[in-house]
Amino acid sequence: MKLYSDFAGRRTRQIAADVIALGLIALWVWFGATVFALVNGLAGFGVQMEQAGAGFRETMTDIGENLGGVPFIGGGIRVPFDGASAAGAALEQAGREQQEAVLQLALVLGIGVTVLPIVMILLLWLVPRIRFVRRANRATQAVRSEAGVDLLALRALATSKLSAVTAIDADPLGAWRRGDQRVVRELAQLELRSAGVRLSPSGG
């Protein structure tokens, strides 16, 4: 599989683009992880809230149970402590919910700031690279086929700039029809060059 152009200048640009793109992807992954860690750090307040609520609930429950054992008046004394214990449980639950909300926000922000830029990088870099690889490999296979050079020359006539083909011959189509090997070969080289493939001296 041909991943890079046979021509030094274009190959250098492709390698540089690959390195830059992969570096940017790694940078955005790191940035997303950093955003996630920073936002998720806000869950510390929820942890403290949960711990405070749990501690208050346990203390009030213990006091209520102890006072509840007092004969005759235990039931009445225990009521406010049971209410305070319920308030502690509510505070504990609120702390857990705050942690969950912060985690969800951290995930959304972390993934958001990572995925969107990476998708843009892939669209601008990976898609053209895939197109190049497919075109270069098709061109290489065409050269190896029996009529590959003629087909490449015909494609050059159909897709290349008029100024480029007329620079090869004043009547390039007529020369191709006559089977002028020089013109056919130069037209094929024109098409191959745009695909990043160098035609070997033997034509294969």
C-alpha atoms as a PDB file:
ATOM      1  CA  MET A   1       0.000   0.000   0.000  1.00  0.00           C
ATOM      2  CA  LYS A   2       1.366   3.387  -1.012  1.00  0.00           C
ATOM      3  CA  LEU A   3       0.967   5.872   1.839  1.00  0.00           C
ATOM      4  CA  TYR A   4       3.180   8.688   0.576  1.00  0.00           C
ATOM      5  CA  SER A   5       4.007  10.350  -2.708  1.00  0.00           C
ATOM      6  CA  ASP A   6       7.032   9.225  -4.729  1.00  0.00           C
ATOM      7  CA  PHE A   7       7.982  12.877  -5.143  1.00  0.00           C
ATOM      8  CA  ALA A   8      10.123  14.342  -2.377  1.00  0.00           C
ATOM      9  CA  GLY A   9       8.415  17.716  -2.018  1.00  0.00           C
ATOM     10  CA  ARG A  10       4.894  16.348  -1.764  1.00  0.00           C
ATOM     11  CA  ARG A  11       6.047  13.449   0.427  1.00  0.00           C
ATOM     12  CA  THR A  12       7.671  15.895   2.848  1.00  0.00           C
ATOM     13  CA  ARG A  13       4.465  17.926   3.054  1.00  0.00           C
ATOM     14  CA  GLN A  14       2.430  14.769   3.661  1.00  0.00           C
ATOM     15  CA  ILE A  15       4.716  13.572   6.450  1.00  0.00           C
ATOM     16  CA  ALA A  16       4.697  17.020   8.044  1.00  0.00           C
ATOM     17  CA  ALA A  17       0.883  17.135   7.846  1.00  0.00           C
ATOM     18  CA  ASP A  18       0.654  13.670   9.446  1.00  0.00           C
ATOM     19  CA  VAL A  19       2.946  14.655  12.313  1.00  0.00           C
ATOM     20  CA  ILE A  20       1.093  17.930  12.901  1.00  0.00           C
ATOM     21  CA  ALA A  21      -2.336  16.263  12.755  1.00  0.00           C
ATOM     22  CA  LEU A  22      -1.368  13.474  15.165  1.00  0.00           C
ATOM     23  CA  GLY A  23       0.236  16.036  17.477  1.00  0.00           C
ATOM     24  CA  LEU A  24      -2.931  18.139  17.467  1.00  0.00           C
ATOM     25  CA  ILE A  25      -5.069  15.081  18.188  1.00  0.00           C
ATOM     26  CA  ALA A  26      -2.848  14.181  21.142  1.00  0.00           C
ATOM     27  CA  LEU A  27      -2.996  17.794  22.340  1.00  0.00           C
ATOM     28  CA  TRP A  28      -6.802  17.895  22.255  1.00  0.00           C
ATOM     29  CA  VAL A  29      -7.014  14.535  24.054  1.00  0.00           C
ATOM     30  CA  TRP A  30      -4.758  15.936  26.787  1.00  0.00           C
ATOM     31  CA  PHE A  31      -6.780  19.151  26.932  1.00  0.00           C
ATOM     32  CA  GLY A  32     -10.043  17.213  27.219  1.00  0.00           C
ATOM     33  CA  ALA A  33      -8.620  15.093  30.040  1.00  0.00           C
ATOM     34  CA  THR A  34      -7.435  18.263  31.788  1.00  0.00           C
ATOM     35  CA  VAL A  35     -10.868  19.904  31.500  1.00  0.00           C
ATOM     36  CA  PHE A  36     -12.494  16.744  32.854  1.00  0.00           C
ATOM     37  CA  ALA A  37     -10.115  16.655  35.837  1.00  0.00           C
ATOM     38  CA  LEU A  38     -10.598  20.337  36.632  1.00  0.00           C
ATOM     39  CA  VAL A  39     -14.397  20.234  36.461  1.00  0.00           C
ATOM     40  CA  ASN A  40     -14.629  16.920  38.290  1.00  0.00           C
ATOM     41  CA  GLY A  41     -12.540  18.483  41.050  1.00  0.00           C
ATOM     42  CA  LEU A  42     -15.601  20.569  41.927  1.00  0.00           C
ATOM     43  CA  ALA A  43     -17.184  17.377  43.222  1.00  0.00           C
ATOM     44  CA  GLY A  44     -15.068  17.836  46.353  1.00  0.00           C
ATOM     45  CA  PHE A  45     -17.745  20.116  47.786  1.00  0.00           C
ATOM     46  CA  GLY A  46     -20.302  17.368  47.257  1.00  0.00           C
ATOM     47  CA  VAL A  47     -18.048  14.855  49.019  1.00  0.00           C
ATOM     48  CA  GLN A  48     -17.758  17.173  52.002  1.00  0.00           C
ATOM     49  CA  MET A  49     -21.513  17.719  51.985  1.00  0.00           C
ATOM     50  CA  GLU A  50     -22.169  13.975  51.884  1.00  0.00           C
ATOM     51  CA  GLN A  51     -19.697  13.299  54.706  1.00  0.00           C
ATOM     52  CA  ALA A  52     -21.129  16.109  56.847  1.00  0.00           C
ATOM     53  CA  GLY A  53     -24.680  14.911  56.260  1.00  0.00           C
ATOM     54  CA  ALA A  54     -23.754  11.313  57.039  1.00  0.00           C
ATOM     55  CA  GLY A  55     -21.943  12.316  60.214  1.00  0.00           C
ATOM     56  CA  PHE A  56     -24.809  14.535  61.384  1.00  0.00           C
ATOM     57  CA  ARG A  57     -27.370  11.814  60.580  1.00  0.00           C
ATOM     58  CA  GLU A  58     -25.452   9.165  62.517  1.00  0.00           C
ATOM     59  CA  THR A  59     -24.958  11.476  65.518  1.00  0.00           C
ATOM     60  CA  MET A  60     -28.618  12.466  65.702  1.00  0.00           C
ATOM     61  CA  THR A  61     -29.697   8.865  65.250  1.00  0.00           C
ATOM     62  CA  ASP A  62     -27.461   7.707  68.077  1.00  0.00           C
ATOM     63  CA  ILE A  63     -28.685  10.481  70.396  1.00  0.00           C
ATOM     64  CA  GLY A  64     -32.311   9.767  69.521  1.00  0.00           C
ATOM     65  CA  GLU A  65     -31.892   6.058  70.184  1.00  0.00           C
ATOM     66  CA  ASN A  66     -30.190   6.709  73.507  1.00  0.00           C
ATOM     67  CA  LEU A  67     -32.809   9.203  74.680  1.00  0.00           C
ATOM     68  CA  GLY A  68     -35.581   7.054  73.299  1.00  0.00           C
ATOM     69  CA  GLY A  69     -34.813   4.509  75.977  1.00  0.00           C
ATOM     70  CA  VAL A  70     -35.698   6.905  78.774  1.00  0.00           C
ATOM     71  CA  PRO A  71     -38.905   5.646  80.458  1.00  0.00           C
ATOM     72  CA  PHE A  72     -42.131   7.615  79.915  1.00  0.00           C
ATOM     73  CA  ILE A  73     -40.566  10.575  78.071  1.00  0.00           C
ATOM     74  CA  GLY A  74     -38.208   8.826  75.699  1.00  0.00           C
ATOM     75  CA  GLY A  75     -40.629   8.775  72.776  1.00  0.00           C
ATOM     76  CA  GLY A  76     -41.297  12.478  72.941  1.00  0.00           C
ATOM     77  CA  ILE A  77     -37.654  13.440  73.358  1.00  0.00           C
ATOM     78  CA  ARG A  78     -36.610  11.318  70.377  1.00  0.00           C
ATOM     79  CA  VAL A  79     -38.874  13.051  67.831  1.00  0.00           C
ATOM     80  CA  PRO A  80     -36.754  16.165  67.191  1.00  0.00           C
ATOM     81  CA  PHE A  81     -33.594  14.085  66.917  1.00  0.00           C
ATOM     82  CA  ASP A  82     -35.267  11.814  64.382  1.00  0.00           C
ATOM     83  CA  GLY A  83     -36.189  14.944  62.390  1.00  0.00           C
ATOM     84  CA  ALA A  84     -32.608  16.186  62.599  1.00  0.00           C
ATOM     85  CA  SER A  85     -31.381  12.762  61.459  1.00  0.00           C
ATOM     86  CA  ALA A  86     -33.701  12.976  58.435  1.00  0.00           C
ATOM     87  CA  ALA A  87     -32.293  16.420  57.640  1.00  0.00           C
ATOM     88  CA  GLY A  88     -28.779  14.955  57.784  1.00  0.00           C
ATOM     89  CA  ALA A  89     -29.842  12.168  55.428  1.00  0.00           C
ATOM     90  CA  ALA A  90     -31.223  14.786  53.015  1.00  0.00           C
ATOM     91  CA  LEU A  91     -27.916  16.667  53.158  1.00  0.00           C
ATOM     92  CA  GLU A  92     -26.045  13.418  52.519  1.00  0.00           C
ATOM     93  CA  GLN A  93     -28.243  12.663  49.486  1.00  0.00           C
ATOM     94  CA  ALA A  94     -27.769  16.203  48.167  1.00  0.00           C
ATOM     95  CA  GLY A  95     -24.007  15.703  48.391  1.00  0.00           C
ATOM     96  CA  ARG A  96     -24.220  12.506  46.333  1.00  0.00           C
ATOM     97  CA  GLU A  97     -26.409  14.181  43.737  1.00  0.00           C
ATOM     98  CA  GLN A  98     -23.987  17.104  43.487  1.00  0.00           C
ATOM     99  CA  GLN A  99     -21.134  14.679  42.808  1.00  0.00           C
ATOM    100  CA  GLU A 100     -23.134  12.909  40.096  1.00  0.00           C
ATOM    101  CA  ALA A 101     -24.077  16.212  38.457  1.00  0.00           C
ATOM    102  CA  VAL A 102     -20.468  17.401  38.475  1.00  0.00           C
ATOM    103  CA  LEU A 103     -19.289  14.078  37.011  1.00  0.00           C
ATOM    104  CA  GLN A 104     -21.817  14.317  34.183  1.00  0.00           C
ATOM    105  CA  LEU A 105     -20.821  17.918  33.469  1.00  0.00           C
ATOM    106  CA  ALA A 106     -17.131  16.968  33.506  1.00  0.00           C
ATOM    107  CA  LEU A 107     -17.772  14.122  31.052  1.00  0.00           C
ATOM    108  CA  VAL A 108     -19.779  16.318  28.680  1.00  0.00           C
ATOM    109  CA  LEU A 109     -17.208  19.125  28.703  1.00  0.00           C
ATOM    110  CA  GLY A 110     -14.221  16.783  28.537  1.00  0.00           C
ATOM    111  CA  ILE A 111     -15.617  14.794  25.631  1.00  0.00           C
ATOM    112  CA  GLY A 112     -16.979  17.914  23.916  1.00  0.00           C
ATOM    113  CA  VAL A 113     -13.706  19.821  23.857  1.00  0.00           C
ATOM    114  CA  THR A 114     -11.919  16.661  22.653  1.00  0.00           C
ATOM    115  CA  VAL A 115     -14.235  15.147  20.061  1.00  0.00           C
ATOM    116  CA  LEU A 116     -15.299  18.229  18.093  1.00  0.00           C
ATOM    117  CA  PRO A 117     -11.778  19.479  17.271  1.00  0.00           C
ATOM    118  CA  ILE A 118     -10.612  15.935  16.499  1.00  0.00           C
ATOM    119  CA  VAL A 119     -13.513  15.437  14.094  1.00  0.00           C
ATOM    120  CA  MET A 120     -12.538  18.660  12.317  1.00  0.00           C
ATOM    121  CA  ILE A 121      -8.901  17.521  12.133  1.00  0.00           C
ATOM    122  CA  LEU A 122      -9.959  14.161  10.689  1.00  0.00           C
ATOM    123  CA  LEU A 123     -12.146  15.842   8.072  1.00  0.00           C
ATOM    124  CA  LEU A 124      -9.392  18.235   7.010  1.00  0.00           C
ATOM    125  CA  TRP A 125      -6.502  15.767   7.212  1.00  0.00           C
ATOM    126  CA  LEU A 126      -7.517  12.104   7.239  1.00  0.00           C
ATOM    127  CA  VAL A 127     -10.134  12.232   4.475  1.00  0.00           C
ATOM    128  CA  PRO A 128      -7.723  13.778   1.899  1.00  0.00           C
ATOM    129  CA  ARG A 129      -5.022  11.319   2.991  1.00  0.00           C
ATOM    130  CA  ILE A 130      -7.376   8.369   2.429  1.00  0.00           C
ATOM    131  CA  ARG A 131      -8.282   9.759  -0.989  1.00  0.00           C
ATOM    132  CA  PHE A 132      -4.607  10.079  -1.870  1.00  0.00           C
ATOM    133  CA  VAL A 133      -3.837   6.508  -0.768  1.00  0.00           C
ATOM    134  CA  ARG A 134      -6.733   5.093  -2.786  1.00  0.00           C
ATOM    135  CA  ARG A 135      -5.861   7.113  -5.882  1.00  0.00           C
ATOM    136  CA  ALA A 136      -2.132   6.331  -5.659  1.00  0.00           C
ATOM    137  CA  ASN A 137      -2.770   2.614  -5.277  1.00  0.00           C
ATOM    138  CA  ARG A 138      -5.242   2.581  -8.173  1.00  0.00           C
ATOM    139  CA  ALA A 139      -2.672   4.384 -10.323  1.00  0.00           C
ATOM    140  CA  THR A 140       0.049   1.916  -9.318  1.00  0.00           C
ATOM    141  CA  GLN A 141      -2.205  -1.005 -10.224  1.00  0.00           C
ATOM    142  CA  ALA A 142      -3.077   0.636 -13.547  1.00  0.00           C
ATOM    143  CA  VAL A 143       0.601   0.949 -14.458  1.00  0.00           C
ATOM    144  CA  ARG A 144       1.075  -2.765 -13.827  1.00  0.00           C
ATOM    145  CA  SER A 145      -1.839  -3.717 -16.077  1.00  0.00           C
ATOM    146  CA  GLU A 146      -1.340  -4.360 -19.783  1.00  0.00           C
ATOM    147  CA  ALA A 147      -3.141  -1.255 -20.997  1.00  0.00           C
ATOM    148  CA  GLY A 148      -2.482   0.805 -17.865  1.00  0.00           C
ATOM    149  CA  VAL A 149      -0.271   3.492 -19.411  1.00  0.00           C
ATOM    150  CA  ASP A 150      -2.786   4.112 -22.212  1.00  0.00           C
ATOM    151  CA  LEU A 151      -5.632   4.400 -19.705  1.00  0.00           C
ATOM    152  CA  LEU A 152      -3.660   6.786 -17.529  1.00  0.00           C
ATOM    153  CA  ALA A 153      -2.872   8.908 -20.578  1.00  0.00           C
ATOM    154  CA  LEU A 154      -6.567   8.988 -21.477  1.00  0.00           C
ATOM    155  CA  ARG A 155      -7.452  10.014 -17.930  1.00  0.00           C
ATOM    156  CA  ALA A 156      -4.892  12.814 -18.129  1.00  0.00           C
ATOM    157  CA  LEU A 157      -6.566  14.032 -21.320  1.00  0.00           C
ATOM    158  CA  ALA A 158      -9.944  14.034 -19.530  1.00  0.00           C
ATOM    159  CA  THR A 159      -8.964  15.563 -16.190  1.00  0.00           C
ATOM    160  CA  SER A 160      -5.747  17.572 -16.571  1.00  0.00           C
ATOM    161  CA  LYS A 161      -5.550  21.251 -17.407  1.00  0.00           C
ATOM    162  CA  LEU A 162      -5.567  22.023 -21.118  1.00  0.00           C
ATOM    163  CA  SER A 163      -2.348  24.002 -20.810  1.00  0.00           C
ATOM    164  CA  ALA A 164      -0.614  20.977 -19.249  1.00  0.00           C
ATOM    165  CA  VAL A 165      -1.607  18.509 -21.970  1.00  0.00           C
ATOM    166  CA  THR A 166      -0.981  20.891 -24.883  1.00  0.00           C
ATOM    167  CA  ALA A 167       2.484  21.520 -23.472  1.00  0.00           C
ATOM    168  CA  ILE A 168       3.196  17.868 -24.218  1.00  0.00           C
ATOM    169  CA  ASP A 169       1.860  17.995 -27.779  1.00  0.00           C
ATOM    170  CA  ALA A 170      -0.147  20.462 -29.839  1.00  0.00           C
ATOM    171  CA  ASP A 171      -2.663  17.690 -30.608  1.00  0.00           C
ATOM    172  CA  PRO A 172      -2.433  15.355 -27.616  1.00  0.00           C
ATOM    173  CA  LEU A 173      -5.687  13.516 -28.353  1.00  0.00           C
ATOM    174  CA  GLY A 174      -4.631  12.831 -31.936  1.00  0.00           C
ATOM    175  CA  ALA A 175      -1.236  11.632 -30.722  1.00  0.00           C
ATOM    176  CA  TRP A 176      -2.916   9.319 -28.223  1.00  0.00           C
ATOM    177  CA  ARG A 177      -5.156   7.893 -30.965  1.00  0.00           C
ATOM    178  CA  ARG A 178      -2.122   7.306 -33.202  1.00  0.00           C
ATOM    179  CA  GLY A 179      -0.395   5.527 -30.337  1.00  0.00           C
ATOM    180  CA  ASP A 180       2.493   7.981 -30.139  1.00  0.00           C
ATOM    181  CA  GLN A 181       4.444   6.345 -27.326  1.00  0.00           C
ATOM    182  CA  ARG A 182       6.266   9.504 -26.292  1.00  0.00           C
ATOM    183  CA  VAL A 183       3.048  11.478 -25.921  1.00  0.00           C
ATOM    184  CA  VAL A 184       1.206   8.570 -24.288  1.00  0.00           C
ATOM    185  CA  ARG A 185       4.009   8.110 -21.782  1.00  0.00           C
ATOM    186  CA  GLU A 186       4.224  11.819 -20.931  1.00  0.00           C
ATOM    187  CA  LEU A 187       0.445  12.029 -20.519  1.00  0.00           C
ATOM    188  CA  ALA A 188       0.549   8.989 -18.229  1.00  0.00           C
ATOM    189  CA  GLN A 189       3.349  10.619 -16.252  1.00  0.00           C
ATOM    190  CA  LEU A 190       1.199  13.751 -15.923  1.00  0.00           C
ATOM    191  CA  GLU A 191      -1.658  11.731 -14.433  1.00  0.00           C
ATOM    192  CA  LEU A 192       0.636   9.684 -12.238  1.00  0.00           C
ATOM    193  CA  ARG A 193       2.386  12.761 -10.903  1.00  0.00           C
ATOM    194  CA  SER A 194      -0.952  14.229  -9.771  1.00  0.00           C
ATOM    195  CA  ALA A 195      -1.574  10.875  -8.018  1.00  0.00           C
ATOM    196  CA  GLY A 196       1.865  10.934  -6.381  1.00  0.00           C
ATOM    197  CA  VAL A 197       3.272   8.008  -8.366  1.00  0.00           C
ATOM    198  CA  ARG A 198       6.457   8.005 -10.404  1.00  0.00           C
ATOM    199  CA  LEU A 199       6.461   6.079 -13.672  1.00  0.00           C
ATOM    200  CA  SER A 200       9.522   3.840 -13.824  1.00  0.00           C
ATOM    201  CA  PRO A 201      11.754   3.963 -16.912  1.00  0.00           C
ATOM    202  CA  SER A 202      10.431   0.560 -17.981  1.00  0.00           C
ATOM    203  CA  GLY A 203       6.848   1.842 -17.740  1.00  0.00           C
ATOM    204  CA  GLY A 204       5.843  -0.493 -14.890  1.00  0.00           C
END
